[in-house]
Amino acid sequence: MDRTFHPRSRRIAPLVALAAASALLAAGCSSGSGGKKAEESGNGAAAGKANTPRMTVALVTHQAPGDTFWDIVRKGAEAAAAKDNIKLVYSADPNAGGQANFVQNAIDQKVDGIAITLAKPDAMKDVVGKATSAGIPVVGLNSGLSDWKKLGLTEFFGQDETVAGEALGKKLNAEGAKKAVCVVQEQGNIGLTQRCDGVKKTFGGTTENLYVNGTDMPSVKSTITAKLKQDPAIDYVVTLGAPYALTSVQSVADAGSKAKIATFDLNKDLTGAINKGTIQFAVDQQPYLQGYLAIDSLWLYKNNGNYSGGGEQPVLTGPAFVDKSNVDAVAKFAANGTR
């Protein structure tokens, strides 16, 4: 696998070309609310809508209330559902037990397919086994690249979080950073752990993890502020999501720190911050594409027996750097809530 990284490129492209992707036909989609536990979606028309029999697909994620990253994932899923004549049922719970319950509900409802995230794969193992035993195809997205095959999923769409972390660590070296703090908003989330571990592996300076309560932004802000005041040698704050990067901008100011900020993941406010220079760069994994491909893959599997990656390899949607050199190219899409 070619893992060459091109941080200065003006092209916004994933690290590895997608193994398979259906054409993104013009699609109508509605903005999702990050805090809703379960909601049916997929309303709206799309050009080239499938005339295949109506399917029901459950999308179950570990979204925390207010985390807008998942609104982008959901928009992609809704676009695919609208095109493919799919009734999409979206459910989310940051607690792995709650997430497993939603999967069990989907099994009980005899859905045609399930798309899940595996932030805590051990907690999902049994219920995924029940789904596959019931003959329901299950695909993974976003979290779980190391575990999707072991759990019996047919396909996976996301980025290699370790590779993404390693790339960010190398970028910090190029920026001349000496001491970084990696802000983890959810303990036990394997993908977040892999990101920070990847940074530590390649970064030539020193780094440590700072754990915060990602569901309480005032607490996130005060914890980062306190850390920066305690250790003025920190010259880079690395966050694992766009909302935490934007909050870190306030923390840096409150602490009177000279630390710079880098992050994983994008939203429209973050692209503006990169333009202003208050955030240096972001690592983009294309969440819209993850949602779209996961749902579309279940339609392709049911109607044409297709496996993306042959059922053996994941489809990688990232990582790629977004910085001042190329942020304008993605800002217009971020403004639409799709990047």
Foldseek 3Di string as FASTA:
>chain_A
DDQDFDFLDQDAAFSDAFLDDDDQFAFDFDQDAQADFKDKALDDATPQADPDDEFEEEEEEAGDHPALLVSLLVRLLSRLCRRDNYTYMYGHHNDLLVSLVVLVVCVVVVGQEYEYAPQPVVSNLVSLVVCVVSVHAYEYEAHDQPNCVVSPHQAYEWADLLSQLLVVLVVCVVVVFAEEEEEDQDPSRVSSVSNPVSNCVNHPHYYYYDYFNNNDLVRLLVSLLVVCLVDLSHAEYEYEGDVSQVSVLVSCVVNVHNHAYEYEDDALVVLVCLQVRNHFKYWHQQSSSRSNRRNNQSSCCVPPVDGGVSSPHHGGRHTHMDHNSHSVVCNVVNVVVND
